[in-house]
Amino acid sequence: MTPPVPTPEFIEHSGFIAEVIRTPRTKSASIKVDEGAVSVVVPRDLPLERIQQLITDKKRWIKEKLYIHQQARPVSSKEFVSGEAFPYLGRNYRLKVERGSYQPAKLVKGSLIVTIPMGVDDPNIVRNAVVRWYRTRALERLKDKSKRWASIIGVTPKSVGIKTFKSRWGSCSADAEVLFNWRVVMTPNRVVDYVVVHELCHLVRHDHSRQFWKLVEKVMPDYAECKEWLKANSRTISIS
């Protein structure tokens, strides 16, 4: 029986919102700032008051990390306001910003809905909610696709995860650990399949030899079209 999915926890602070990730696999708390999104990884039963105090104690460090990330981001045409379009697996979904108690982004009837507190007008909070949504969906979808394609190719990855890559779509280690750029789910569904197939084929041949590409073509005869699509559109796949 599949264990129930835990209800997401979020802590609103001055200028940012932190996601609480409870896990039995850790004995101490840690704070991460990735792509401008703040998350706190804590032991499963750590009281909320302790978590809030940890965030308060680390507030200056968190804000410095957020500032560095915001300054390093390229100039974007996105304002993260209602009506803007965001791509997911080949379709565009309109952003809808609502007011109320903070809620993580969710896809409802063709709209990507983000609920933020009244009086908060920081687009970075909306952006971070959208990034969290993409990363969650990316991990789910890429794990599913990897399982399906691995059975076709006849390989078994040790693990499948996501990462923020600057200039690549995935990686495959010598230990059979496969990582994907979470932004890949902003491309058409067939292109995502190609990226998955590409990395899984590296479990057979860890190079880009003629034999490697023959294997990719055997698994996905139309791979060249997907490869060309990525080459032509990779610079536009961003929500910076």
C-alpha atoms as a PDB file:
ATOM      1  CA  MET A   1       0.000   0.000   0.000  1.00  0.00           C
ATOM      2  CA  THR A   2       1.364   3.409  -1.005  1.00  0.00           C
ATOM      3  CA  PRO A   3       1.962   5.664   2.040  1.00  0.00           C
ATOM      4  CA  PRO A   4      -0.096   8.878   2.111  1.00  0.00           C
ATOM      5  CA  VAL A   5       1.536  11.986   0.676  1.00  0.00           C
ATOM      6  CA  PRO A   6       2.309  14.395   3.532  1.00  0.00           C
ATOM      7  CA  THR A   7       0.511  17.727   3.517  1.00  0.00           C
ATOM      8  CA  PRO A   8       2.936  20.483   2.434  1.00  0.00           C
ATOM      9  CA  GLU A   9       3.988  22.838   5.225  1.00  0.00           C
ATOM     10  CA  PHE A  10       5.037  26.418   4.603  1.00  0.00           C
ATOM     11  CA  ILE A  11       6.265  29.114   6.953  1.00  0.00           C
ATOM     12  CA  GLU A  12       5.696  32.729   5.968  1.00  0.00           C
ATOM     13  CA  HIS A  13       8.547  35.006   6.962  1.00  0.00           C
ATOM     14  CA  SER A  14       9.492  38.590   6.213  1.00  0.00           C
ATOM     15  CA  GLY A  15      10.272  38.619   2.500  1.00  0.00           C
ATOM     16  CA  PHE A  16      10.175  34.884   1.775  1.00  0.00           C
ATOM     17  CA  ILE A  17       8.224  31.680   2.320  1.00  0.00           C
ATOM     18  CA  ALA A  18      10.016  28.511   3.439  1.00  0.00           C
ATOM     19  CA  GLU A  19       8.839  24.995   2.628  1.00  0.00           C
ATOM     20  CA  VAL A  20       9.191  22.468   5.457  1.00  0.00           C
ATOM     21  CA  ILE A  21      10.325  19.013   4.340  1.00  0.00           C
ATOM     22  CA  ARG A  22      10.002  16.390   7.076  1.00  0.00           C
ATOM     23  CA  THR A  23      11.932  13.151   6.653  1.00  0.00           C
ATOM     24  CA  PRO A  24      12.886  10.232   8.917  1.00  0.00           C
ATOM     25  CA  ARG A  25      16.221  10.051   7.084  1.00  0.00           C
ATOM     26  CA  THR A  26      17.762  13.039   8.863  1.00  0.00           C
ATOM     27  CA  LYS A  27      18.601  13.683  12.504  1.00  0.00           C
ATOM     28  CA  SER A  28      19.396  17.377  12.180  1.00  0.00           C
ATOM     29  CA  ALA A  29      17.779  20.331  10.442  1.00  0.00           C
ATOM     30  CA  SER A  30      19.231  22.068   7.402  1.00  0.00           C
ATOM     31  CA  ILE A  31      18.218  25.001   5.210  1.00  0.00           C
ATOM     32  CA  LYS A  32      18.590  25.115   1.422  1.00  0.00           C
ATOM     33  CA  VAL A  33      18.109  27.994  -1.004  1.00  0.00           C
ATOM     34  CA  ASP A  34      17.864  26.676  -4.557  1.00  0.00           C
ATOM     35  CA  GLU A  35      16.609  28.711  -7.515  1.00  0.00           C
ATOM     36  CA  GLY A  36      15.426  31.311  -5.022  1.00  0.00           C
ATOM     37  CA  ALA A  37      13.186  28.821  -3.186  1.00  0.00           C
ATOM     38  CA  VAL A  38      13.800  28.278   0.526  1.00  0.00           C
ATOM     39  CA  SER A  39      13.340  24.819   2.018  1.00  0.00           C
ATOM     40  CA  VAL A  40      13.999  23.474   5.506  1.00  0.00           C
ATOM     41  CA  VAL A  41      14.771  19.758   5.781  1.00  0.00           C
ATOM     42  CA  VAL A  42      14.032  18.556   9.305  1.00  0.00           C
ATOM     43  CA  PRO A  43      13.497  15.343  11.298  1.00  0.00           C
ATOM     44  CA  ARG A  44       9.933  14.097  10.929  1.00  0.00           C
ATOM     45  CA  ASP A  45       8.768  14.987  14.459  1.00  0.00           C
ATOM     46  CA  LEU A  46      10.593  18.283  15.003  1.00  0.00           C
ATOM     47  CA  PRO A  47       8.122  20.803  16.539  1.00  0.00           C
ATOM     48  CA  LEU A  48       7.048  23.683  14.335  1.00  0.00           C
ATOM     49  CA  GLU A  49       8.238  26.189  16.958  1.00  0.00           C
ATOM     50  CA  ARG A  50      11.803  24.844  16.646  1.00  0.00           C
ATOM     51  CA  ILE A  51      11.651  25.134  12.882  1.00  0.00           C
ATOM     52  CA  GLN A  52      10.390  28.710  13.075  1.00  0.00           C
ATOM     53  CA  GLN A  53      13.211  29.601  15.463  1.00  0.00           C
ATOM     54  CA  LEU A  54      15.772  28.030  13.129  1.00  0.00           C
ATOM     55  CA  ILE A  55      14.486  30.146  10.244  1.00  0.00           C
ATOM     56  CA  THR A  56      14.553  33.286  12.403  1.00  0.00           C
ATOM     57  CA  ASP A  57      18.138  32.556  13.474  1.00  0.00           C
ATOM     58  CA  LYS A  58      19.197  32.038   9.864  1.00  0.00           C
ATOM     59  CA  LYS A  59      17.101  34.895   8.414  1.00  0.00           C
ATOM     60  CA  ARG A  60      20.068  37.066   7.489  1.00  0.00           C
ATOM     61  CA  TRP A  61      21.874  34.176   5.773  1.00  0.00           C
ATOM     62  CA  ILE A  62      18.712  33.216   3.851  1.00  0.00           C
ATOM     63  CA  LYS A  63      18.114  36.778   2.657  1.00  0.00           C
ATOM     64  CA  GLU A  64      21.733  37.079   1.526  1.00  0.00           C
ATOM     65  CA  LYS A  65      21.381  33.877  -0.518  1.00  0.00           C
ATOM     66  CA  LEU A  66      18.107  35.110  -2.031  1.00  0.00           C
ATOM     67  CA  TYR A  67      19.675  38.451  -2.926  1.00  0.00           C
ATOM     68  CA  ILE A  68      22.668  36.780  -4.587  1.00  0.00           C
ATOM     69  CA  HIS A  69      20.335  34.567  -6.613  1.00  0.00           C
ATOM     70  CA  GLN A  70      18.167  37.495  -7.712  1.00  0.00           C
ATOM     71  CA  GLN A  71      21.203  39.501  -8.799  1.00  0.00           C
ATOM     72  CA  ALA A  72      22.657  36.566 -10.727  1.00  0.00           C
ATOM     73  CA  ARG A  73      19.466  35.834 -12.659  1.00  0.00           C
ATOM     74  CA  PRO A  74      19.366  37.106 -16.231  1.00  0.00           C
ATOM     75  CA  VAL A  75      16.905  39.856 -17.045  1.00  0.00           C
ATOM     76  CA  SER A  76      13.502  38.287 -17.624  1.00  0.00           C
ATOM     77  CA  SER A  77      10.417  39.377 -19.494  1.00  0.00           C
ATOM     78  CA  LYS A  78       8.302  37.531 -16.911  1.00  0.00           C
ATOM     79  CA  GLU A  79       6.581  39.632 -14.261  1.00  0.00           C
ATOM     80  CA  PHE A  80       4.853  36.664 -12.561  1.00  0.00           C
ATOM     81  CA  VAL A  81       1.427  38.226 -12.697  1.00  0.00           C
ATOM     82  CA  SER A  82      -1.940  36.797 -13.679  1.00  0.00           C
ATOM     83  CA  GLY A  83      -2.288  36.088 -17.375  1.00  0.00           C
ATOM     84  CA  GLU A  84       1.296  35.141 -18.169  1.00  0.00           C
ATOM     85  CA  ALA A  85       1.828  31.793 -19.911  1.00  0.00           C
ATOM     86  CA  PHE A  86       4.073  29.024 -18.615  1.00  0.00           C
ATOM     87  CA  PRO A  87       4.891  25.922 -20.695  1.00  0.00           C
ATOM     88  CA  TYR A  88       4.582  22.373 -19.409  1.00  0.00           C
ATOM     89  CA  LEU A  89       5.047  19.294 -21.616  1.00  0.00           C
ATOM     90  CA  GLY A  90       4.214  21.193 -24.777  1.00  0.00           C
ATOM     91  CA  ARG A  91       1.209  23.181 -23.554  1.00  0.00           C
ATOM     92  CA  ASN A  92       0.959  26.703 -22.166  1.00  0.00           C
ATOM     93  CA  TYR A  93      -0.860  27.339 -18.896  1.00  0.00           C
ATOM     94  CA  ARG A  94      -1.961  30.779 -17.711  1.00  0.00           C
ATOM     95  CA  LEU A  95      -0.802  31.968 -14.325  1.00  0.00           C
ATOM     96  CA  LYS A  96      -3.506  33.081 -11.901  1.00  0.00           C
ATOM     97  CA  VAL A  97      -2.399  34.829  -8.707  1.00  0.00           C
ATOM     98  CA  GLU A  98      -4.950  34.714  -5.905  1.00  0.00           C
ATOM     99  CA  ARG A  99      -4.953  36.178  -2.385  1.00  0.00           C
ATOM    100  CA  GLY A 100      -5.328  34.286   0.884  1.00  0.00           C
ATOM    101  CA  SER A 101      -3.248  31.985   3.071  1.00  0.00           C
ATOM    102  CA  TYR A 102      -0.208  30.867   1.132  1.00  0.00           C
ATOM    103  CA  GLN A 103      -0.824  27.776  -0.985  1.00  0.00           C
ATOM    104  CA  PRO A 104       1.632  25.987  -3.271  1.00  0.00           C
ATOM    105  CA  ALA A 105       1.048  26.325  -6.999  1.00  0.00           C
ATOM    106  CA  LYS A 106      -1.478  23.917  -8.502  1.00  0.00           C
ATOM    107  CA  LEU A 107      -2.867  23.229 -11.959  1.00  0.00           C
ATOM    108  CA  VAL A 108      -6.653  23.702 -12.103  1.00  0.00           C
ATOM    109  CA  LYS A 109      -8.661  23.641 -15.347  1.00  0.00           C
ATOM    110  CA  GLY A 110      -5.822  24.928 -17.474  1.00  0.00           C
ATOM    111  CA  SER A 111      -4.637  27.585 -15.015  1.00  0.00           C
ATOM    112  CA  LEU A 112      -1.549  27.544 -12.827  1.00  0.00           C
ATOM    113  CA  ILE A 113      -2.872  28.995  -9.569  1.00  0.00           C
ATOM    114  CA  VAL A 114      -0.673  30.508  -6.860  1.00  0.00           C
ATOM    115  CA  THR A 115      -2.201  31.870  -3.639  1.00  0.00           C
ATOM    116  CA  ILE A 116      -0.131  34.413  -1.712  1.00  0.00           C
ATOM    117  CA  PRO A 117      -0.870  36.418   1.456  1.00  0.00           C
ATOM    118  CA  MET A 118      -2.758  39.692   1.323  1.00  0.00           C
ATOM    119  CA  GLY A 119      -0.467  42.699   1.180  1.00  0.00           C
ATOM    120  CA  VAL A 120       2.427  40.747  -0.369  1.00  0.00           C
ATOM    121  CA  ASP A 121       3.451  42.159  -3.741  1.00  0.00           C
ATOM    122  CA  ASP A 122       6.859  40.534  -4.204  1.00  0.00           C
ATOM    123  CA  PRO A 123       6.954  38.736  -7.593  1.00  0.00           C
ATOM    124  CA  ASN A 124       9.801  36.573  -6.291  1.00  0.00           C
ATOM    125  CA  ILE A 125       7.371  34.767  -3.970  1.00  0.00           C
ATOM    126  CA  VAL A 126       5.142  33.942  -6.938  1.00  0.00           C
ATOM    127  CA  ARG A 127       8.168  32.898  -8.990  1.00  0.00           C
ATOM    128  CA  ASN A 128       9.420  30.599  -6.253  1.00  0.00           C
ATOM    129  CA  ALA A 129       5.995  28.958  -5.972  1.00  0.00           C
ATOM    130  CA  VAL A 130       6.062  28.331  -9.729  1.00  0.00           C
ATOM    131  CA  VAL A 131       9.599  26.908  -9.517  1.00  0.00           C
ATOM    132  CA  ARG A 132       8.539  24.573  -6.699  1.00  0.00           C
ATOM    133  CA  TRP A 133       5.622  23.383  -8.830  1.00  0.00           C
ATOM    134  CA  TYR A 134       7.884  22.694 -11.810  1.00  0.00           C
ATOM    135  CA  ARG A 135      10.424  20.826  -9.683  1.00  0.00           C
ATOM    136  CA  THR A 136       7.764  18.654  -8.037  1.00  0.00           C
ATOM    137  CA  ARG A 137       6.123  17.796 -11.349  1.00  0.00           C
ATOM    138  CA  ALA A 138       9.516  17.228 -12.977  1.00  0.00           C
ATOM    139  CA  LEU A 139      10.626  14.706 -10.359  1.00  0.00           C
ATOM    140  CA  GLU A 140       7.352  12.790 -10.588  1.00  0.00           C
ATOM    141  CA  ARG A 141       7.220  12.754 -14.383  1.00  0.00           C
ATOM    142  CA  LEU A 142      10.904  11.985 -14.944  1.00  0.00           C
ATOM    143  CA  LYS A 143      10.852   9.095 -12.496  1.00  0.00           C
ATOM    144  CA  ASP A 144       7.805   7.637 -14.272  1.00  0.00           C
ATOM    145  CA  LYS A 145       9.353   8.077 -17.706  1.00  0.00           C
ATOM    146  CA  SER A 146      12.686   6.647 -16.570  1.00  0.00           C
ATOM    147  CA  LYS A 147      11.007   3.545 -15.216  1.00  0.00           C
ATOM    148  CA  ARG A 148       9.124   2.984 -18.473  1.00  0.00           C
ATOM    149  CA  TRP A 149      12.057   3.610 -20.816  1.00  0.00           C
ATOM    150  CA  ALA A 150      14.526   1.689 -18.633  1.00  0.00           C
ATOM    151  CA  SER A 151      12.426  -1.443 -19.051  1.00  0.00           C
ATOM    152  CA  ILE A 152      12.465  -0.962 -22.841  1.00  0.00           C
ATOM    153  CA  ILE A 153      16.228  -0.350 -23.001  1.00  0.00           C
ATOM    154  CA  GLY A 154      16.971  -3.084 -20.482  1.00  0.00           C
ATOM    155  CA  VAL A 155      18.828  -1.015 -17.892  1.00  0.00           C
ATOM    156  CA  THR A 156      18.374  -0.244 -14.211  1.00  0.00           C
ATOM    157  CA  PRO A 157      19.426   3.196 -12.959  1.00  0.00           C
ATOM    158  CA  LYS A 158      20.581   3.290  -9.359  1.00  0.00           C
ATOM    159  CA  SER A 159      18.631   6.494  -8.767  1.00  0.00           C
ATOM    160  CA  VAL A 160      16.761   9.180 -10.693  1.00  0.00           C
ATOM    161  CA  GLY A 161      16.663  12.773  -9.516  1.00  0.00           C
ATOM    162  CA  ILE A 162      16.555  16.398 -10.648  1.00  0.00           C
ATOM    163  CA  LYS A 163      19.057  19.216 -10.482  1.00  0.00           C
ATOM    164  CA  THR A 164      19.498  22.795 -11.632  1.00  0.00           C
ATOM    165  CA  PHE A 165      21.928  22.599 -14.545  1.00  0.00           C
ATOM    166  CA  LYS A 166      23.067  25.726 -16.352  1.00  0.00           C
ATOM    167  CA  SER A 167      23.852  24.261 -19.760  1.00  0.00           C
ATOM    168  CA  ARG A 168      22.886  20.611 -19.902  1.00  0.00           C
ATOM    169  CA  TRP A 169      19.704  18.554 -19.796  1.00  0.00           C
ATOM    170  CA  GLY A 170      20.932  15.600 -17.805  1.00  0.00           C
ATOM    171  CA  SER A 171      23.819  13.539 -16.529  1.00  0.00           C
ATOM    172  CA  CYS A 172      24.582   9.875 -15.920  1.00  0.00           C
ATOM    173  CA  SER A 173      27.325   8.901 -13.493  1.00  0.00           C
ATOM    174  CA  ALA A 174      29.532   5.834 -13.627  1.00  0.00           C
ATOM    175  CA  ASP A 175      27.543   4.598 -10.614  1.00  0.00           C
ATOM    176  CA  ALA A 176      24.306   4.633 -12.662  1.00  0.00           C
ATOM    177  CA  GLU A 177      22.899   7.707 -10.915  1.00  0.00           C
ATOM    178  CA  VAL A 178      20.818   9.722 -13.383  1.00  0.00           C
ATOM    179  CA  LEU A 179      20.017  13.411 -12.935  1.00  0.00           C
ATOM    180  CA  PHE A 180      17.807  15.603 -15.116  1.00  0.00           C
ATOM    181  CA  ASN A 181      17.500  19.352 -15.462  1.00  0.00           C
ATOM    182  CA  TRP A 182      14.040  20.046 -14.032  1.00  0.00           C
ATOM    183  CA  ARG A 183      13.438  22.651 -16.738  1.00  0.00           C
ATOM    184  CA  VAL A 184      13.157  19.887 -19.327  1.00  0.00           C
ATOM    185  CA  VAL A 185       9.454  19.508 -18.475  1.00  0.00           C
ATOM    186  CA  MET A 186       8.964  22.931 -20.074  1.00  0.00           C
ATOM    187  CA  THR A 187       9.620  21.256 -23.438  1.00  0.00           C
ATOM    188  CA  PRO A 188       7.214  19.104 -25.496  1.00  0.00           C
ATOM    189  CA  ASN A 189       6.471  15.664 -24.102  1.00  0.00           C
ATOM    190  CA  ARG A 190       8.344  13.825 -26.871  1.00  0.00           C
ATOM    191  CA  VAL A 191      11.444  15.948 -26.239  1.00  0.00           C
ATOM    192  CA  VAL A 192      11.323  14.966 -22.566  1.00  0.00           C
ATOM    193  CA  ASP A 193      11.216  11.325 -23.683  1.00  0.00           C
ATOM    194  CA  TYR A 194      14.320  11.907 -25.810  1.00  0.00           C
ATOM    195  CA  VAL A 195      16.268  13.405 -22.908  1.00  0.00           C
ATOM    196  CA  VAL A 196      15.308  10.431 -20.720  1.00  0.00           C
ATOM    197  CA  VAL A 197      16.269   7.922 -23.411  1.00  0.00           C
ATOM    198  CA  HIS A 198      19.556   9.759 -24.026  1.00  0.00           C
ATOM    199  CA  GLU A 199      20.655   9.553 -20.399  1.00  0.00           C
ATOM    200  CA  LEU A 200      19.479   5.966 -19.900  1.00  0.00           C
ATOM    201  CA  CYS A 201      21.395   4.857 -23.004  1.00  0.00           C
ATOM    202  CA  HIS A 202      24.520   6.121 -21.248  1.00  0.00           C
ATOM    203  CA  LEU A 203      24.039   3.225 -18.843  1.00  0.00           C
ATOM    204  CA  VAL A 204      24.930   1.011 -21.807  1.00  0.00           C
ATOM    205  CA  ARG A 205      27.554   3.232 -23.420  1.00  0.00           C
ATOM    206  CA  HIS A 206      29.050   6.082 -21.401  1.00  0.00           C
ATOM    207  CA  ASP A 207      30.140   8.075 -24.448  1.00  0.00           C
ATOM    208  CA  HIS A 208      28.754   9.713 -27.583  1.00  0.00           C
ATOM    209  CA  SER A 209      30.180   7.217 -30.039  1.00  0.00           C
ATOM    210  CA  ARG A 210      28.489   5.979 -33.193  1.00  0.00           C
ATOM    211  CA  GLN A 211      27.365   2.908 -31.248  1.00  0.00           C
ATOM    212  CA  PHE A 212      25.721   5.134 -28.633  1.00  0.00           C
ATOM    213  CA  TRP A 213      23.690   7.047 -31.211  1.00  0.00           C
ATOM    214  CA  LYS A 214      22.709   3.812 -32.932  1.00  0.00           C
ATOM    215  CA  LEU A 215      21.295   2.608 -29.620  1.00  0.00           C
ATOM    216  CA  VAL A 216      19.363   5.853 -29.136  1.00  0.00           C
ATOM    217  CA  GLU A 217      17.969   5.559 -32.673  1.00  0.00           C
ATOM    218  CA  LYS A 218      16.975   1.939 -32.116  1.00  0.00           C
ATOM    219  CA  VAL A 219      14.984   2.946 -29.030  1.00  0.00           C
ATOM    220  CA  MET A 220      13.641   6.199 -30.484  1.00  0.00           C
ATOM    221  CA  PRO A 221      13.792   6.397 -34.306  1.00  0.00           C
ATOM    222  CA  ASP A 222      12.738  10.076 -34.346  1.00  0.00           C
ATOM    223  CA  TYR A 223      15.350  11.180 -31.790  1.00  0.00           C
ATOM    224  CA  ALA A 224      17.089  13.496 -34.291  1.00  0.00           C
ATOM    225  CA  GLU A 225      14.007  15.720 -34.520  1.00  0.00           C
ATOM    226  CA  CYS A 226      13.896  16.066 -30.735  1.00  0.00           C
ATOM    227  CA  LYS A 227      17.632  16.730 -30.570  1.00  0.00           C
ATOM    228  CA  GLU A 228      17.281  19.464 -33.183  1.00  0.00           C
ATOM    229  CA  TRP A 229      14.306  20.978 -31.333  1.00  0.00           C
ATOM    230  CA  LEU A 230      16.418  21.299 -28.175  1.00  0.00           C
ATOM    231  CA  LYS A 231      19.290  22.829 -30.130  1.00  0.00           C
ATOM    232  CA  ALA A 232      16.983  25.431 -31.668  1.00  0.00           C
ATOM    233  CA  ASN A 233      14.969  26.273 -28.549  1.00  0.00           C
ATOM    234  CA  SER A 234      17.193  25.653 -25.530  1.00  0.00           C
ATOM    235  CA  ARG A 235      17.849  29.362 -24.905  1.00  0.00           C
ATOM    236  CA  THR A 236      14.145  30.094 -24.605  1.00  0.00           C
ATOM    237  CA  ILE A 237      13.428  27.392 -22.008  1.00  0.00           C
ATOM    238  CA  SER A 238      13.605  29.416 -18.821  1.00  0.00           C
ATOM    239  CA  ILE A 239      11.450  31.253 -16.306  1.00  0.00           C
ATOM    240  CA  SER A 240      14.279  33.428 -14.951  1.00  0.00           C
END
